[in-house]
Amino acid sequence: MNNSSWVRKYDYLCEECGMAFASFQEYLEHHKLHHPKSIGTAIT
């Protein structure tokens, strides 16, 4: 994997669209766009 070096700048990666975020809060806000009803619910 030669493209792994740039990933280190970000801790969170959106699997839906590939966008990367440096903080979990930023990722969470973005994740709500894909899953507006899933935030705060447990996946069972």
Protein backbone atom coordinates (compact mmCIF):
# COMPACT_ATOMS: atom_id res chain seq x y z
CA MET A 1 0.00 0.00 0.00
CA ASN A 2 1.82 3.07 -1.22
CA ASN A 3 -0.99 5.50 -0.42
CA SER A 4 -0.97 4.86 3.33
CA SER A 5 1.22 7.86 4.18
CA TRP A 6 -1.48 10.48 3.62
CA VAL A 7 -3.97 8.56 5.73
CA ARG A 8 -1.93 9.22 8.87
CA LYS A 9 -3.06 12.84 8.83
CA TYR A 10 -6.60 11.68 9.51
CA ASP A 11 -7.97 9.37 12.14
CA TYR A 12 -11.43 8.88 10.64
CA LEU A 13 -12.39 7.90 7.11
CA CYS A 14 -15.90 7.93 5.69
CA GLU A 15 -16.51 4.56 4.09
CA GLU A 16 -19.44 5.88 2.07
CA CYS A 17 -17.63 8.59 0.12
CA GLY A 18 -13.96 8.34 1.08
CA MET A 19 -13.66 11.71 2.82
CA ALA A 20 -11.22 11.84 5.72
CA PHE A 21 -11.49 13.77 8.96
CA ALA A 22 -8.93 14.71 11.59
CA SER A 23 -11.33 14.55 14.52
CA PHE A 24 -14.13 12.23 15.52
CA GLN A 25 -16.50 15.19 15.93
CA GLU A 26 -15.95 16.23 12.32
CA TYR A 27 -16.49 12.65 11.18
CA LEU A 28 -19.64 12.33 13.27
CA GLU A 29 -21.15 15.48 11.80
CA HIS A 30 -20.39 14.21 8.29
CA HIS A 31 -21.67 10.72 9.09
CA LYS A 32 -25.05 12.22 9.96
CA LEU A 33 -25.41 13.26 6.33
CA HIS A 34 -25.27 9.64 5.24
CA HIS A 35 -27.21 8.21 8.20
CA PRO A 36 -29.44 10.90 9.71
CA LYS A 37 -31.41 8.40 11.78
CA SER A 38 -28.63 6.12 13.01
CA ILE A 39 -26.78 8.52 15.34
CA GLY A 40 -27.32 7.63 18.97
CA THR A 41 -28.73 4.20 18.28
CA ALA A 42 -26.96 0.95 18.98
CA ILE A 43 -26.30 -1.45 16.14
CA THR A 44 -27.49 -4.87 17.19
